Amino acid sequence: MFRHHIFAICVLSLFATGQAVTARAADTCQPVFDALQKLVTTPSHSFTTSTAAKGGTPQIAETIMVQNKKYIRASGKWMDTRITTQEVLEQEKENEKNGKSSCQLVRRESVNGESTSVYHLQRETEDFKEDSQIWISTTRGVPLREEQDIEMAGAVGKRHNSAHFEFGNIQPPI
């Protein structure tokens, strides 16, 4: 009887530990998810260089999110994407909820004189797999830089994206 009681306690202990590990993994990603949401809800300007895994010419892109709108610069010309920042935010929240994510604080580092926490993010949804390092401002909680390897479903394939983000005095480009 005593043996069964000890066995039951061990099994329950393992179950509780498993739940704690899952909760801890979600908590570890929370600063990353919060920063990605702030990227959308705070006026921002991103500069991204994207290179296909198979090589080729790097593509340069700019995105501005301001006044509930998302603008992109393509071929030197600014366009309103007709996608609201609320729609981008809802997609991010869906990715957080339905995707499998793991995050780890890697180190502390300075970006342009600003203190950051560098996180390693691995995330998989039905549409993409990503492996990123994200530099998050320790004072403002916004991402300042990201290095991302991403594999998109369909014809897009694998890419490496290198981005930096600005948050001061952001205005609609058109």
C-alpha atoms as a PDB file:
ATOM      1  CA  MET A   1       0.000   0.000   0.000  1.00  0.00           C
ATOM      2  CA  PHE A   2       2.771   2.409   0.992  1.00  0.00           C
ATOM      3  CA  ARG A   3       4.549   1.578  -2.277  1.00  0.00           C
ATOM      4  CA  HIS A   4       1.432   2.476  -4.344  1.00  0.00           C
ATOM      5  CA  HIS A   5       1.083   5.738  -2.430  1.00  0.00           C
ATOM      6  CA  ILE A   6       4.715   6.697  -3.159  1.00  0.00           C
ATOM      7  CA  PHE A   7       4.291   5.719  -6.832  1.00  0.00           C
ATOM      8  CA  ALA A   8       1.149   7.889  -7.106  1.00  0.00           C
ATOM      9  CA  ILE A   9       2.962  10.833  -5.543  1.00  0.00           C
ATOM     10  CA  CYS A  10       5.860  10.410  -7.991  1.00  0.00           C
ATOM     11  CA  VAL A  11       3.496  10.306 -10.993  1.00  0.00           C
ATOM     12  CA  LEU A  12       1.590  13.374  -9.791  1.00  0.00           C
ATOM     13  CA  SER A  13       4.893  15.132  -9.139  1.00  0.00           C
ATOM     14  CA  LEU A  14       6.068  14.437 -12.708  1.00  0.00           C
ATOM     15  CA  PHE A  15       2.731  15.650 -14.078  1.00  0.00           C
ATOM     16  CA  ALA A  16       2.958  18.877 -12.050  1.00  0.00           C
ATOM     17  CA  THR A  17       6.577  19.384 -13.133  1.00  0.00           C
ATOM     18  CA  GLY A  18       5.556  18.968 -16.767  1.00  0.00           C
ATOM     19  CA  GLN A  19       2.895  21.638 -16.346  1.00  0.00           C
ATOM     20  CA  ALA A  20       5.412  23.943 -14.688  1.00  0.00           C
ATOM     21  CA  VAL A  21       7.890  23.473 -17.561  1.00  0.00           C
ATOM     22  CA  THR A  22       5.148  24.289 -20.101  1.00  0.00           C
ATOM     23  CA  ALA A  23       4.145  27.377 -18.137  1.00  0.00           C
ATOM     24  CA  ARG A  24       7.806  28.430 -17.804  1.00  0.00           C
ATOM     25  CA  ALA A  25       8.311  28.058 -21.599  1.00  0.00           C
ATOM     26  CA  ALA A  26       5.284  30.278 -22.250  1.00  0.00           C
ATOM     27  CA  ASP A  27       6.569  32.813 -19.694  1.00  0.00           C
ATOM     28  CA  THR A  28       9.993  32.835 -21.377  1.00  0.00           C
ATOM     29  CA  CYS A  29       8.369  33.851 -24.685  1.00  0.00           C
ATOM     30  CA  GLN A  30       6.163  36.548 -23.143  1.00  0.00           C
ATOM     31  CA  PRO A  31       8.771  39.362 -23.441  1.00  0.00           C
ATOM     32  CA  VAL A  32       9.275  38.402 -27.105  1.00  0.00           C
ATOM     33  CA  PHE A  33       5.528  38.278 -27.829  1.00  0.00           C
ATOM     34  CA  ASP A  34       5.019  41.601 -26.017  1.00  0.00           C
ATOM     35  CA  ALA A  35       7.795  43.208 -28.100  1.00  0.00           C
ATOM     36  CA  LEU A  36       6.351  41.876 -31.376  1.00  0.00           C
ATOM     37  CA  GLN A  37       2.954  43.275 -30.408  1.00  0.00           C
ATOM     38  CA  LYS A  38       4.517  46.652 -29.551  1.00  0.00           C
ATOM     39  CA  LEU A  39       6.154  46.665 -32.985  1.00  0.00           C
ATOM     40  CA  VAL A  40       2.646  46.694 -34.445  1.00  0.00           C
ATOM     41  CA  THR A  41       0.883  48.979 -31.946  1.00  0.00           C
ATOM     42  CA  THR A  42       3.635  51.624 -31.679  1.00  0.00           C
ATOM     43  CA  PRO A  43       4.421  53.799 -34.712  1.00  0.00           C
ATOM     44  CA  SER A  44       7.428  52.052 -36.256  1.00  0.00           C
ATOM     45  CA  HIS A  45       9.652  51.988 -39.327  1.00  0.00           C
ATOM     46  CA  SER A  46      11.415  48.746 -40.206  1.00  0.00           C
ATOM     47  CA  PHE A  47      14.264  48.225 -42.647  1.00  0.00           C
ATOM     48  CA  THR A  48      14.722  44.619 -43.811  1.00  0.00           C
ATOM     49  CA  THR A  49      17.213  42.902 -46.083  1.00  0.00           C
ATOM     50  CA  SER A  50      15.937  39.507 -47.236  1.00  0.00           C
ATOM     51  CA  THR A  51      18.008  36.851 -48.989  1.00  0.00           C
ATOM     52  CA  ALA A  52      16.734  33.568 -50.415  1.00  0.00           C
ATOM     53  CA  ALA A  53      18.462  30.477 -49.012  1.00  0.00           C
ATOM     54  CA  LYS A  54      19.463  29.515 -52.560  1.00  0.00           C
ATOM     55  CA  GLY A  55      21.225  32.856 -53.007  1.00  0.00           C
ATOM     56  CA  GLY A  56      20.334  35.545 -55.448  1.00  0.00           C
ATOM     57  CA  THR A  57      20.048  39.289 -55.096  1.00  0.00           C
ATOM     58  CA  PRO A  58      19.113  40.499 -51.611  1.00  0.00           C
ATOM     59  CA  GLN A  59      15.797  42.320 -51.472  1.00  0.00           C
ATOM     60  CA  ILE A  60      15.501  45.516 -49.470  1.00  0.00           C
ATOM     61  CA  ALA A  61      12.131  46.336 -47.900  1.00  0.00           C
ATOM     62  CA  GLU A  62      10.764  49.042 -45.649  1.00  0.00           C
ATOM     63  CA  THR A  63       7.572  48.938 -43.623  1.00  0.00           C
ATOM     64  CA  ILE A  64       5.906  51.742 -41.696  1.00  0.00           C
ATOM     65  CA  MET A  65       3.116  51.060 -39.232  1.00  0.00           C
ATOM     66  CA  VAL A  66       1.372  54.212 -38.083  1.00  0.00           C
ATOM     67  CA  GLN A  67      -2.179  55.494 -37.533  1.00  0.00           C
ATOM     68  CA  ASN A  68      -3.626  51.960 -37.785  1.00  0.00           C
ATOM     69  CA  LYS A  69      -2.182  51.475 -41.288  1.00  0.00           C
ATOM     70  CA  LYS A  70       0.639  49.396 -42.733  1.00  0.00           C
ATOM     71  CA  TYR A  71       2.697  50.895 -45.563  1.00  0.00           C
ATOM     72  CA  ILE A  72       5.416  49.165 -47.569  1.00  0.00           C
ATOM     73  CA  ARG A  73       8.056  50.497 -49.911  1.00  0.00           C
ATOM     74  CA  ALA A  74       8.426  48.378 -53.040  1.00  0.00           C
ATOM     75  CA  SER A  75      10.562  49.273 -56.056  1.00  0.00           C
ATOM     76  CA  GLY A  76      11.244  52.680 -54.497  1.00  0.00           C
ATOM     77  CA  LYS A  77       7.551  53.553 -54.159  1.00  0.00           C
ATOM     78  CA  TRP A  78       5.444  53.688 -50.976  1.00  0.00           C
ATOM     79  CA  MET A  79       2.079  51.903 -50.972  1.00  0.00           C
ATOM     80  CA  ASP A  80      -0.766  51.573 -48.489  1.00  0.00           C
ATOM     81  CA  THR A  81      -1.200  47.796 -48.043  1.00  0.00           C
ATOM     82  CA  ARG A  82      -4.863  48.194 -47.056  1.00  0.00           C
ATOM     83  CA  ILE A  83      -3.995  46.007 -44.064  1.00  0.00           C
ATOM     84  CA  THR A  84      -4.669  47.609 -40.708  1.00  0.00           C
ATOM     85  CA  THR A  85      -2.285  47.321 -37.799  1.00  0.00           C
ATOM     86  CA  GLN A  86      -5.186  45.680 -35.932  1.00  0.00           C
ATOM     87  CA  GLU A  87      -5.255  42.894 -38.544  1.00  0.00           C
ATOM     88  CA  VAL A  88      -1.476  42.444 -38.213  1.00  0.00           C
ATOM     89  CA  LEU A  89      -1.846  42.324 -34.416  1.00  0.00           C
ATOM     90  CA  GLU A  90      -4.647  39.729 -34.629  1.00  0.00           C
ATOM     91  CA  GLN A  91      -2.462  37.552 -36.898  1.00  0.00           C
ATOM     92  CA  GLU A  92       0.445  37.813 -34.439  1.00  0.00           C
ATOM     93  CA  LYS A  93      -1.816  36.825 -31.539  1.00  0.00           C
ATOM     94  CA  GLU A  94      -3.135  33.860 -33.559  1.00  0.00           C
ATOM     95  CA  ASN A  95       0.445  32.753 -34.293  1.00  0.00           C
ATOM     96  CA  GLU A  96       1.262  32.995 -30.578  1.00  0.00           C
ATOM     97  CA  LYS A  97      -1.834  31.037 -29.586  1.00  0.00           C
ATOM     98  CA  ASN A  98      -1.790  28.292 -32.235  1.00  0.00           C
ATOM     99  CA  GLY A  99       1.925  27.968 -32.988  1.00  0.00           C
ATOM    100  CA  LYS A 100       4.582  26.022 -31.134  1.00  0.00           C
ATOM    101  CA  SER A 101       7.127  28.440 -29.679  1.00  0.00           C
ATOM    102  CA  SER A 102      10.190  28.289 -27.500  1.00  0.00           C
ATOM    103  CA  CYS A 103      12.307  31.208 -26.348  1.00  0.00           C
ATOM    104  CA  GLN A 104      15.538  31.628 -24.455  1.00  0.00           C
ATOM    105  CA  LEU A 105      17.256  34.710 -23.111  1.00  0.00           C
ATOM    106  CA  VAL A 106      20.715  34.484 -24.689  1.00  0.00           C
ATOM    107  CA  ARG A 107      22.600  37.556 -23.433  1.00  0.00           C
ATOM    108  CA  ARG A 108      22.491  41.292 -22.762  1.00  0.00           C
ATOM    109  CA  GLU A 109      23.918  43.566 -25.440  1.00  0.00           C
ATOM    110  CA  SER A 110      23.856  47.180 -26.569  1.00  0.00           C
ATOM    111  CA  VAL A 111      22.278  48.287 -29.879  1.00  0.00           C
ATOM    112  CA  ASN A 112      23.108  51.869 -30.896  1.00  0.00           C
ATOM    113  CA  GLY A 113      23.877  52.644 -27.255  1.00  0.00           C
ATOM    114  CA  GLU A 114      20.612  51.171 -25.955  1.00  0.00           C
ATOM    115  CA  SER A 115      20.622  48.215 -23.563  1.00  0.00           C
ATOM    116  CA  THR A 116      18.858  45.116 -24.932  1.00  0.00           C
ATOM    117  CA  SER A 117      18.028  41.561 -24.006  1.00  0.00           C
ATOM    118  CA  VAL A 118      18.782  39.178 -26.864  1.00  0.00           C
ATOM    119  CA  TYR A 119      16.282  36.326 -27.202  1.00  0.00           C
ATOM    120  CA  HIS A 120      16.413  33.205 -29.339  1.00  0.00           C
ATOM    121  CA  LEU A 121      12.928  32.402 -30.695  1.00  0.00           C
ATOM    122  CA  GLN A 122      11.925  29.212 -32.455  1.00  0.00           C
ATOM    123  CA  ARG A 123       8.354  29.151 -33.697  1.00  0.00           C
ATOM    124  CA  GLU A 124       6.318  26.937 -35.989  1.00  0.00           C
ATOM    125  CA  THR A 125       2.818  27.511 -37.341  1.00  0.00           C
ATOM    126  CA  GLU A 126       0.999  25.810 -40.185  1.00  0.00           C
ATOM    127  CA  ASP A 127       2.288  28.596 -42.491  1.00  0.00           C
ATOM    128  CA  PHE A 128       5.931  28.976 -41.449  1.00  0.00           C
ATOM    129  CA  LYS A 129       8.898  27.901 -39.324  1.00  0.00           C
ATOM    130  CA  GLU A 130      11.195  30.532 -37.916  1.00  0.00           C
ATOM    131  CA  ASP A 131      14.448  30.624 -36.006  1.00  0.00           C
ATOM    132  CA  SER A 132      15.282  34.147 -34.844  1.00  0.00           C
ATOM    133  CA  GLN A 133      17.417  36.249 -32.590  1.00  0.00           C
ATOM    134  CA  ILE A 134      15.627  39.385 -31.411  1.00  0.00           C
ATOM    135  CA  TRP A 135      17.234  42.329 -29.605  1.00  0.00           C
ATOM    136  CA  ILE A 136      14.587  43.849 -27.282  1.00  0.00           C
ATOM    137  CA  SER A 137      15.097  47.213 -25.570  1.00  0.00           C
ATOM    138  CA  THR A 138      15.265  46.707 -21.795  1.00  0.00           C
ATOM    139  CA  THR A 139      13.745  50.157 -21.181  1.00  0.00           C
ATOM    140  CA  ARG A 140      11.035  50.376 -23.877  1.00  0.00           C
ATOM    141  CA  GLY A 141      10.269  46.699 -24.540  1.00  0.00           C
ATOM    142  CA  VAL A 142      10.367  47.142 -28.318  1.00  0.00           C
ATOM    143  CA  PRO A 143      12.475  45.141 -30.768  1.00  0.00           C
ATOM    144  CA  LEU A 144      15.463  47.067 -32.114  1.00  0.00           C
ATOM    145  CA  ARG A 145      16.969  44.392 -34.334  1.00  0.00           C
ATOM    146  CA  GLU A 146      16.170  40.883 -35.628  1.00  0.00           C
ATOM    147  CA  GLU A 147      18.069  38.170 -37.484  1.00  0.00           C
ATOM    148  CA  GLN A 148      15.604  35.589 -38.782  1.00  0.00           C
ATOM    149  CA  ASP A 149      15.761  32.363 -40.755  1.00  0.00           C
ATOM    150  CA  ILE A 150      12.279  31.541 -41.980  1.00  0.00           C
ATOM    151  CA  GLU A 151      10.745  28.820 -44.108  1.00  0.00           C
ATOM    152  CA  MET A 152       7.391  29.764 -45.596  1.00  0.00           C
ATOM    153  CA  ALA A 153       4.871  27.279 -46.900  1.00  0.00           C
ATOM    154  CA  GLY A 154       4.439  27.214 -50.666  1.00  0.00           C
ATOM    155  CA  ALA A 155       6.679  28.786 -53.292  1.00  0.00           C
ATOM    156  CA  VAL A 156       8.340  31.391 -51.036  1.00  0.00           C
ATOM    157  CA  GLY A 157      10.641  28.820 -49.433  1.00  0.00           C
ATOM    158  CA  LYS A 158      13.536  29.579 -47.092  1.00  0.00           C
ATOM    159  CA  ARG A 159      14.889  33.076 -46.498  1.00  0.00           C
ATOM    160  CA  HIS A 160      17.181  34.977 -44.159  1.00  0.00           C
ATOM    161  CA  ASN A 161      15.897  38.360 -42.996  1.00  0.00           C
ATOM    162  CA  SER A 162      18.001  40.973 -41.261  1.00  0.00           C
ATOM    163  CA  ALA A 163      15.991  43.875 -39.833  1.00  0.00           C
ATOM    164  CA  HIS A 164      16.333  46.928 -37.652  1.00  0.00           C
ATOM    165  CA  PHE A 165      13.485  49.010 -36.262  1.00  0.00           C
ATOM    166  CA  GLU A 166      13.031  52.700 -35.504  1.00  0.00           C
ATOM    167  CA  PHE A 167      10.325  54.248 -33.331  1.00  0.00           C
ATOM    168  CA  GLY A 168      10.895  58.011 -33.164  1.00  0.00           C
ATOM    169  CA  ASN A 169       8.908  60.598 -35.160  1.00  0.00           C
ATOM    170  CA  ILE A 170       7.222  58.091 -37.503  1.00  0.00           C
ATOM    171  CA  GLN A 171       4.862  59.651 -40.053  1.00  0.00           C
ATOM    172  CA  PRO A 172       2.759  58.163 -42.877  1.00  0.00           C
ATOM    173  CA  PRO A 173       4.931  58.135 -46.004  1.00  0.00           C
ATOM    174  CA  ILE A 174       2.060  59.083 -48.310  1.00  0.00           C
END
